[in-house]
Amino acid sequence: MKYFKLFLISIIAFGLGLFGISLLFPSNTFVSRAANVFGPKDSLQPNLPVYFENAFDDGQQQKTIEVKPFLPNADTLLFHVKNQEQVQGGIAVYDMGKDSSTIQVFYKINVPWYSPLQKFGLMLNEEKYGPSLDTALRRITTAVQLAN
């Protein structure tokens, strides 16, 4: 009986320690990629939603993202990944001069603050979401360069 109590106390202490350590980690994280493209921001923004939807299209009949239009005077186009309520994303366009702009594609991943395993899983998001961001950014920059 005393070994059983020791086992239970050890499990509870380990769980509380793991939960305490997880409180030191943030409950949201960003994964992003950026690239410079030729052309001013004003000429890129009108066509960017079309490039953006095509960049994340994986050939399935159902779209995997829902794109919201640019807000007036905004630099960021936001989207929501379907079937994954904790993942949001967007694309931002920054002016870098007369003939150059920077396009940044990002995911914002939110998890509950009280879920230690999901918070530890945030450290693996670079490997999980990075390749899709690389592909999308490559498709967007190629489409922008062909249009200019």
N, C-alpha and C. Protein backbone atom coordinates (compact mmCIF):
# COMPACT_ATOMS: atom_id res chain seq x y z
N MET A 1 0.81 -1.20 0.00
CA MET A 1 0.00 0.00 0.00
C MET A 1 0.86 1.27 0.00
N LYS A 2 1.99 1.21 0.75
CA LYS A 2 2.81 2.42 0.80
C LYS A 2 3.48 2.69 -0.55
N TYR A 3 3.75 1.64 -1.35
CA TYR A 3 4.32 1.85 -2.68
C TYR A 3 3.28 2.43 -3.64
N PHE A 4 2.05 2.03 -3.45
CA PHE A 4 0.97 2.57 -4.27
C PHE A 4 0.78 4.06 -3.98
N LYS A 5 0.81 4.46 -2.70
CA LYS A 5 0.70 5.87 -2.35
C LYS A 5 1.89 6.66 -2.88
N LEU A 6 3.09 6.09 -2.81
CA LEU A 6 4.28 6.75 -3.35
C LEU A 6 4.14 6.95 -4.85
N PHE A 7 3.61 5.92 -5.52
CA PHE A 7 3.40 6.00 -6.96
C PHE A 7 2.40 7.13 -7.29
N LEU A 8 1.29 7.19 -6.59
CA LEU A 8 0.29 8.24 -6.84
C LEU A 8 0.85 9.63 -6.56
N ILE A 9 1.55 9.78 -5.45
CA ILE A 9 2.12 11.09 -5.12
C ILE A 9 3.16 11.50 -6.16
N SER A 10 3.94 10.55 -6.65
CA SER A 10 4.95 10.84 -7.68
C SER A 10 4.29 11.28 -8.98
N ILE A 11 3.22 10.60 -9.37
CA ILE A 11 2.51 10.96 -10.61
C ILE A 11 1.92 12.36 -10.49
N ILE A 12 1.31 12.67 -9.36
CA ILE A 12 0.71 13.99 -9.16
C ILE A 12 1.80 15.07 -9.13
N ALA A 13 2.90 14.81 -8.45
CA ALA A 13 3.99 15.79 -8.39
C ALA A 13 4.60 16.01 -9.78
N PHE A 14 4.78 14.94 -10.55
CA PHE A 14 5.32 15.07 -11.90
C PHE A 14 4.37 15.86 -12.79
N GLY A 15 3.06 15.58 -12.69
CA GLY A 15 2.07 16.31 -13.48
C GLY A 15 2.03 17.79 -13.15
N LEU A 16 2.07 18.10 -11.85
CA LEU A 16 2.08 19.51 -11.45
C LEU A 16 3.37 20.21 -11.89
N GLY A 17 4.49 19.52 -11.82
CA GLY A 17 5.75 20.09 -12.29
C GLY A 17 5.72 20.36 -13.79
N LEU A 18 5.18 19.41 -14.56
CA LEU A 18 5.06 19.58 -16.00
C LEU A 18 4.13 20.75 -16.33
N PHE A 19 3.02 20.85 -15.61
CA PHE A 19 2.09 21.96 -15.81
C PHE A 19 2.74 23.29 -15.45
N GLY A 20 3.50 23.31 -14.37
CA GLY A 20 4.19 24.54 -13.95
C GLY A 20 5.21 25.00 -14.98
N ILE A 21 5.95 24.06 -15.55
CA ILE A 21 6.93 24.41 -16.58
C ILE A 21 6.22 24.91 -17.83
N SER A 22 5.07 24.30 -18.16
CA SER A 22 4.35 24.72 -19.37
C SER A 22 3.80 26.14 -19.24
N LEU A 23 3.60 26.61 -18.01
CA LEU A 23 3.12 27.99 -17.84
C LEU A 23 4.18 29.01 -18.25
N LEU A 24 5.43 28.60 -18.35
CA LEU A 24 6.49 29.50 -18.79
C LEU A 24 6.50 29.69 -20.30
N PHE A 25 5.85 28.79 -21.04
CA PHE A 25 5.80 28.88 -22.49
C PHE A 25 4.59 29.71 -22.92
N PRO A 26 4.70 30.44 -24.04
CA PRO A 26 3.55 31.22 -24.52
C PRO A 26 2.47 30.30 -25.09
N SER A 27 1.24 30.79 -25.12
CA SER A 27 0.15 29.97 -25.64
C SER A 27 -0.14 30.26 -27.11
N ASN A 28 0.61 31.16 -27.72
CA ASN A 28 0.49 31.36 -29.17
C ASN A 28 1.88 31.60 -29.75
N THR A 29 2.00 31.27 -31.02
CA THR A 29 3.29 31.43 -31.70
C THR A 29 3.05 31.76 -33.16
N PHE A 30 4.05 32.34 -33.78
CA PHE A 30 4.01 32.69 -35.20
C PHE A 30 5.06 31.90 -35.95
N VAL A 31 4.70 31.43 -37.13
CA VAL A 31 5.64 30.83 -38.07
C VAL A 31 5.53 31.67 -39.33
N SER A 32 6.65 32.24 -39.80
CA SER A 32 6.55 33.15 -40.95
C SER A 32 7.73 32.97 -41.90
N ARG A 33 7.49 33.39 -43.12
CA ARG A 33 8.50 33.44 -44.17
C ARG A 33 8.33 34.77 -44.89
N ALA A 34 9.44 35.31 -45.42
CA ALA A 34 9.39 36.58 -46.14
C ALA A 34 10.30 36.53 -47.35
N ALA A 35 9.96 37.33 -48.36
CA ALA A 35 10.78 37.43 -49.56
C ALA A 35 10.60 38.83 -50.16
N ASN A 36 11.64 39.31 -50.82
CA ASN A 36 11.58 40.58 -51.53
C ASN A 36 11.14 40.33 -52.96
N VAL A 37 10.27 41.20 -53.47
CA VAL A 37 9.81 41.11 -54.85
C VAL A 37 9.96 42.48 -55.51
N PHE A 38 10.01 42.46 -56.83
CA PHE A 38 10.14 43.68 -57.60
C PHE A 38 8.76 44.29 -57.79
N GLY A 39 8.63 45.54 -57.46
CA GLY A 39 7.37 46.26 -57.66
C GLY A 39 6.93 46.97 -56.40
N PRO A 40 6.28 48.12 -56.56
CA PRO A 40 5.79 48.84 -55.38
C PRO A 40 4.58 48.15 -54.76
N LYS A 41 4.36 48.44 -53.50
CA LYS A 41 3.26 47.82 -52.75
C LYS A 41 1.91 48.11 -53.38
N ASP A 42 1.72 49.32 -53.87
CA ASP A 42 0.43 49.71 -54.45
C ASP A 42 0.05 48.87 -55.66
N SER A 43 1.03 48.44 -56.43
CA SER A 43 0.72 47.62 -57.61
C SER A 43 0.55 46.14 -57.25
N LEU A 44 1.06 45.72 -56.11
CA LEU A 44 0.94 44.31 -55.70
C LEU A 44 -0.38 44.01 -55.00
N GLN A 45 -0.86 44.93 -54.18
CA GLN A 45 -2.02 44.66 -53.33
C GLN A 45 -3.31 44.31 -54.08
N PRO A 46 -3.66 44.94 -55.20
CA PRO A 46 -4.93 44.59 -55.83
C PRO A 46 -5.02 43.13 -56.29
N ASN A 47 -3.93 42.55 -56.78
CA ASN A 47 -3.96 41.18 -57.29
C ASN A 47 -3.56 40.14 -56.25
N LEU A 48 -3.11 40.58 -55.09
CA LEU A 48 -2.60 39.65 -54.09
C LEU A 48 -3.62 38.63 -53.59
N PRO A 49 -4.90 38.98 -53.38
CA PRO A 49 -5.85 37.93 -52.94
C PRO A 49 -5.96 36.77 -53.91
N VAL A 50 -5.90 37.04 -55.22
CA VAL A 50 -5.96 35.96 -56.21
C VAL A 50 -4.72 35.09 -56.13
N TYR A 51 -3.54 35.71 -56.07
CA TYR A 51 -2.29 34.96 -55.93
C TYR A 51 -2.30 34.14 -54.64
N PHE A 52 -2.85 34.74 -53.62
CA PHE A 52 -2.84 34.13 -52.30
C PHE A 52 -3.70 32.87 -52.26
N GLU A 53 -4.92 32.94 -52.82
CA GLU A 53 -5.78 31.76 -52.84
C GLU A 53 -5.17 30.65 -53.67
N ASN A 54 -4.54 31.00 -54.79
CA ASN A 54 -3.92 29.99 -55.64
C ASN A 54 -2.68 29.38 -54.99
N ALA A 55 -1.99 30.15 -54.17
CA ALA A 55 -0.76 29.65 -53.55
C ALA A 55 -1.03 28.55 -52.54
N PHE A 56 -2.16 28.60 -51.86
CA PHE A 56 -2.48 27.59 -50.86
C PHE A 56 -3.40 26.51 -51.39
N ASP A 57 -3.75 26.56 -52.68
CA ASP A 57 -4.63 25.55 -53.27
C ASP A 57 -3.83 24.28 -53.48
N ASP A 58 -4.28 23.19 -52.87
CA ASP A 58 -3.54 21.93 -52.98
C ASP A 58 -4.17 20.97 -53.98
N GLY A 59 -5.05 21.47 -54.84
CA GLY A 59 -5.64 20.63 -55.87
C GLY A 59 -6.93 19.95 -55.44
N GLN A 60 -7.34 20.08 -54.21
CA GLN A 60 -8.58 19.49 -53.76
C GLN A 60 -9.74 20.37 -54.20
N GLN A 61 -10.93 19.78 -54.21
CA GLN A 61 -12.09 20.56 -54.62
C GLN A 61 -12.46 21.59 -53.57
N GLN A 62 -12.27 21.27 -52.30
CA GLN A 62 -12.59 22.22 -51.25
C GLN A 62 -11.37 23.07 -50.96
N LYS A 63 -11.59 24.36 -50.82
CA LYS A 63 -10.50 25.27 -50.46
C LYS A 63 -10.10 25.01 -49.02
N THR A 64 -8.79 25.08 -48.75
CA THR A 64 -8.33 24.85 -47.39
C THR A 64 -8.27 26.13 -46.58
N ILE A 65 -8.39 27.27 -47.25
CA ILE A 65 -8.35 28.55 -46.52
C ILE A 65 -9.52 29.42 -46.94
N GLU A 66 -9.89 30.32 -46.06
CA GLU A 66 -10.89 31.34 -46.34
C GLU A 66 -10.20 32.69 -46.24
N VAL A 67 -10.13 33.43 -47.35
CA VAL A 67 -9.41 34.69 -47.39
C VAL A 67 -10.36 35.85 -47.15
N LYS A 68 -9.96 36.75 -46.27
CA LYS A 68 -10.70 37.99 -46.04
C LYS A 68 -10.03 39.09 -46.86
N PRO A 69 -10.79 40.02 -47.43
CA PRO A 69 -10.17 41.07 -48.26
C PRO A 69 -9.35 42.05 -47.42
N PHE A 70 -8.47 42.79 -48.12
CA PHE A 70 -7.70 43.84 -47.46
C PHE A 70 -8.64 44.88 -46.87
N LEU A 71 -8.35 45.30 -45.68
CA LEU A 71 -9.07 46.42 -45.08
C LEU A 71 -8.47 47.70 -45.64
N PRO A 72 -9.21 48.80 -45.65
CA PRO A 72 -8.65 50.06 -46.16
C PRO A 72 -7.42 50.47 -45.34
N ASN A 73 -6.38 50.89 -46.03
CA ASN A 73 -5.12 51.33 -45.43
C ASN A 73 -4.43 50.25 -44.59
N ALA A 74 -4.66 48.99 -44.91
CA ALA A 74 -4.04 47.89 -44.15
C ALA A 74 -2.95 47.25 -45.00
N ASP A 75 -1.97 46.70 -44.32
CA ASP A 75 -0.87 46.02 -45.00
C ASP A 75 -1.02 44.51 -44.97
N THR A 76 -2.04 43.99 -44.28
CA THR A 76 -2.13 42.55 -44.04
C THR A 76 -3.45 41.99 -44.57
N LEU A 77 -3.35 40.88 -45.28
CA LEU A 77 -4.49 40.12 -45.76
C LEU A 77 -4.59 38.88 -44.88
N LEU A 78 -5.71 38.71 -44.18
CA LEU A 78 -5.84 37.61 -43.22
C LEU A 78 -6.62 36.45 -43.81
N PHE A 79 -6.35 35.25 -43.30
CA PHE A 79 -7.11 34.07 -43.70
C PHE A 79 -7.27 33.15 -42.51
N HIS A 80 -8.18 32.21 -42.67
CA HIS A 80 -8.46 31.22 -41.65
C HIS A 80 -8.34 29.84 -42.29
N VAL A 81 -7.62 28.93 -41.65
CA VAL A 81 -7.46 27.58 -42.17
C VAL A 81 -8.69 26.77 -41.75
N LYS A 82 -9.37 26.17 -42.72
CA LYS A 82 -10.58 25.39 -42.42
C LYS A 82 -10.22 24.14 -41.62
N ASN A 83 -11.11 23.73 -40.77
CA ASN A 83 -11.00 22.53 -39.94
C ASN A 83 -9.87 22.62 -38.92
N GLN A 84 -9.29 23.77 -38.72
CA GLN A 84 -8.27 23.97 -37.70
C GLN A 84 -8.54 25.31 -37.04
N GLU A 85 -9.35 25.30 -35.98
CA GLU A 85 -9.77 26.56 -35.38
C GLU A 85 -8.64 27.29 -34.68
N GLN A 86 -7.55 26.60 -34.37
CA GLN A 86 -6.47 27.29 -33.66
C GLN A 86 -5.44 27.92 -34.59
N VAL A 87 -5.59 27.74 -35.91
CA VAL A 87 -4.62 28.27 -36.85
C VAL A 87 -5.24 29.41 -37.66
N GLN A 88 -4.62 30.57 -37.59
CA GLN A 88 -4.98 31.71 -38.42
C GLN A 88 -3.72 32.10 -39.18
N GLY A 89 -3.88 32.92 -40.17
CA GLY A 89 -2.69 33.33 -40.92
C GLY A 89 -2.93 34.59 -41.69
N GLY A 90 -1.92 34.92 -42.48
CA GLY A 90 -2.05 36.13 -43.28
C GLY A 90 -0.84 36.35 -44.15
N ILE A 91 -0.96 37.39 -44.93
CA ILE A 91 0.15 37.82 -45.78
C ILE A 91 0.24 39.34 -45.64
N ALA A 92 1.44 39.81 -45.43
CA ALA A 92 1.67 41.24 -45.23
C ALA A 92 2.58 41.74 -46.34
N VAL A 93 2.33 42.97 -46.79
CA VAL A 93 3.13 43.60 -47.84
C VAL A 93 3.72 44.88 -47.26
N TYR A 94 5.03 45.00 -47.37
CA TYR A 94 5.73 46.17 -46.84
C TYR A 94 6.51 46.84 -47.96
N ASP A 95 6.41 48.16 -48.04
CA ASP A 95 7.14 48.94 -49.03
C ASP A 95 8.61 49.02 -48.63
N MET A 96 9.50 48.70 -49.53
CA MET A 96 10.93 48.77 -49.25
C MET A 96 11.62 49.82 -50.12
N GLY A 97 10.86 50.62 -50.82
CA GLY A 97 11.42 51.65 -51.69
C GLY A 97 10.53 51.82 -52.91
N LYS A 98 11.06 52.51 -53.92
CA LYS A 98 10.26 52.77 -55.13
C LYS A 98 9.97 51.51 -55.93
N ASP A 99 10.94 50.60 -55.99
CA ASP A 99 10.79 49.45 -56.89
C ASP A 99 10.86 48.10 -56.18
N SER A 100 10.71 48.08 -54.88
CA SER A 100 10.83 46.82 -54.16
C SER A 100 9.84 46.76 -53.00
N SER A 101 9.33 45.56 -52.76
CA SER A 101 8.42 45.31 -51.64
C SER A 101 8.81 43.99 -50.99
N THR A 102 8.41 43.84 -49.76
CA THR A 102 8.63 42.59 -49.05
C THR A 102 7.28 41.96 -48.78
N ILE A 103 7.17 40.67 -49.11
CA ILE A 103 5.96 39.91 -48.86
C ILE A 103 6.26 38.94 -47.72
N GLN A 104 5.44 38.97 -46.68
CA GLN A 104 5.61 38.07 -45.54
C GLN A 104 4.35 37.22 -45.41
N VAL A 105 4.53 35.91 -45.38
CA VAL A 105 3.44 34.96 -45.18
C VAL A 105 3.61 34.38 -43.79
N PHE A 106 2.52 34.31 -43.02
CA PHE A 106 2.67 33.82 -41.65
C PHE A 106 1.45 33.02 -41.20
N TYR A 107 1.69 32.16 -40.22
CA TYR A 107 0.65 31.46 -39.48
C TYR A 107 0.72 31.90 -38.03
N LYS A 108 -0.42 32.08 -37.41
CA LYS A 108 -0.50 32.34 -35.97
C LYS A 108 -1.25 31.16 -35.37
N ILE A 109 -0.59 30.45 -34.46
CA ILE A 109 -1.18 29.26 -33.86
C ILE A 109 -1.48 29.55 -32.40
N ASN A 110 -2.72 29.35 -31.99
CA ASN A 110 -3.17 29.57 -30.62
C ASN A 110 -3.53 28.24 -29.98
N VAL A 111 -3.12 28.03 -28.75
CA VAL A 111 -3.53 26.86 -27.98
C VAL A 111 -3.99 27.35 -26.60
N PRO A 112 -4.79 26.58 -25.91
CA PRO A 112 -5.22 27.00 -24.58
C PRO A 112 -4.05 27.09 -23.61
N TRP A 113 -4.11 28.01 -22.67
CA TRP A 113 -3.01 28.20 -21.72
C TRP A 113 -2.89 27.03 -20.76
N TYR A 114 -3.94 26.28 -20.59
CA TYR A 114 -3.96 25.19 -19.61
C TYR A 114 -3.64 23.83 -20.22
N SER A 115 -3.19 23.78 -21.45
CA SER A 115 -2.89 22.51 -22.12
C SER A 115 -1.38 22.36 -22.31
N PRO A 116 -0.70 21.70 -21.36
CA PRO A 116 0.77 21.64 -21.45
C PRO A 116 1.29 20.87 -22.66
N LEU A 117 0.64 19.80 -23.06
CA LEU A 117 1.15 19.03 -24.19
C LEU A 117 1.04 19.81 -25.49
N GLN A 118 -0.05 20.55 -25.68
CA GLN A 118 -0.18 21.38 -26.88
C GLN A 118 0.83 22.52 -26.86
N LYS A 119 1.10 23.08 -25.69
CA LYS A 119 2.08 24.17 -25.61
C LYS A 119 3.48 23.66 -25.92
N PHE A 120 3.82 22.46 -25.49
CA PHE A 120 5.11 21.88 -25.85
C PHE A 120 5.15 21.55 -27.35
N GLY A 121 3.99 21.21 -27.91
CA GLY A 121 3.91 20.93 -29.34
C GLY A 121 4.13 22.16 -30.21
N LEU A 122 3.95 23.36 -29.64
CA LEU A 122 4.19 24.58 -30.41
C LEU A 122 5.64 24.67 -30.88
N MET A 123 6.53 24.01 -30.17
CA MET A 123 7.94 24.05 -30.57
C MET A 123 8.19 23.31 -31.87
N LEU A 124 7.28 22.44 -32.28
CA LEU A 124 7.44 21.66 -33.50
C LEU A 124 6.73 22.29 -34.70
N ASN A 125 6.12 23.44 -34.52
CA ASN A 125 5.33 24.05 -35.59
C ASN A 125 6.17 24.49 -36.77
N GLU A 126 7.42 24.80 -36.56
CA GLU A 126 8.30 25.20 -37.67
C GLU A 126 8.40 24.07 -38.69
N GLU A 127 8.54 22.86 -38.21
CA GLU A 127 8.64 21.70 -39.12
C GLU A 127 7.29 21.36 -39.73
N LYS A 128 6.21 21.60 -38.98
CA LYS A 128 4.89 21.22 -39.45
C LYS A 128 4.35 22.19 -40.50
N TYR A 129 4.48 23.50 -40.25
CA TYR A 129 3.89 24.51 -41.13
C TYR A 129 4.90 25.19 -42.05
N GLY A 130 6.17 25.08 -41.78
CA GLY A 130 7.19 25.74 -42.58
C GLY A 130 7.19 25.38 -44.05
N PRO A 131 7.15 24.08 -44.41
CA PRO A 131 7.17 23.73 -45.83
C PRO A 131 5.98 24.29 -46.62
N SER A 132 4.79 24.32 -46.03
CA SER A 132 3.65 24.89 -46.76
C SER A 132 3.81 26.39 -46.96
N LEU A 133 4.41 27.07 -45.99
CA LEU A 133 4.67 28.51 -46.15
C LEU A 133 5.72 28.75 -47.22
N ASP A 134 6.76 27.91 -47.27
CA ASP A 134 7.78 28.05 -48.31
C ASP A 134 7.17 27.89 -49.70
N THR A 135 6.33 26.88 -49.86
CA THR A 135 5.68 26.64 -51.15
C THR A 135 4.77 27.80 -51.53
N ALA A 136 3.97 28.26 -50.58
CA ALA A 136 3.05 29.37 -50.86
C ALA A 136 3.81 30.63 -51.22
N LEU A 137 4.87 30.93 -50.49
CA LEU A 137 5.66 32.13 -50.77
C LEU A 137 6.33 32.03 -52.14
N ARG A 138 6.81 30.86 -52.49
CA ARG A 138 7.43 30.67 -53.80
C ARG A 138 6.40 30.87 -54.92
N ARG A 139 5.19 30.34 -54.73
CA ARG A 139 4.14 30.52 -55.74
C ARG A 139 3.72 31.99 -55.86
N ILE A 140 3.62 32.67 -54.75
CA ILE A 140 3.22 34.08 -54.77
C ILE A 140 4.28 34.93 -55.46
N THR A 141 5.56 34.75 -55.10
CA THR A 141 6.62 35.55 -55.71
C THR A 141 6.73 35.26 -57.21
N THR A 142 6.54 34.01 -57.61
CA THR A 142 6.57 33.67 -59.04
C THR A 142 5.42 34.37 -59.78
N ALA A 143 4.21 34.32 -59.20
CA ALA A 143 3.07 34.97 -59.85
C ALA A 143 3.25 36.48 -59.92
N VAL A 144 3.80 37.08 -58.88
CA VAL A 144 4.03 38.54 -58.87
C VAL A 144 5.07 38.91 -59.91
N GLN A 145 6.15 38.14 -60.02
CA GLN A 145 7.19 38.44 -60.98
C GLN A 145 6.70 38.26 -62.41
N LEU A 146 5.84 37.26 -62.65
CA LEU A 146 5.30 37.09 -63.99
C LEU A 146 4.33 38.21 -64.36
N ALA A 147 3.62 38.74 -63.38
CA ALA A 147 2.67 39.81 -63.65
C ALA A 147 3.38 41.14 -63.93
N ASN A 148 4.57 41.31 -63.35
CA ASN A 148 5.30 42.58 -63.55
C ASN A 148 6.14 42.45 -64.75
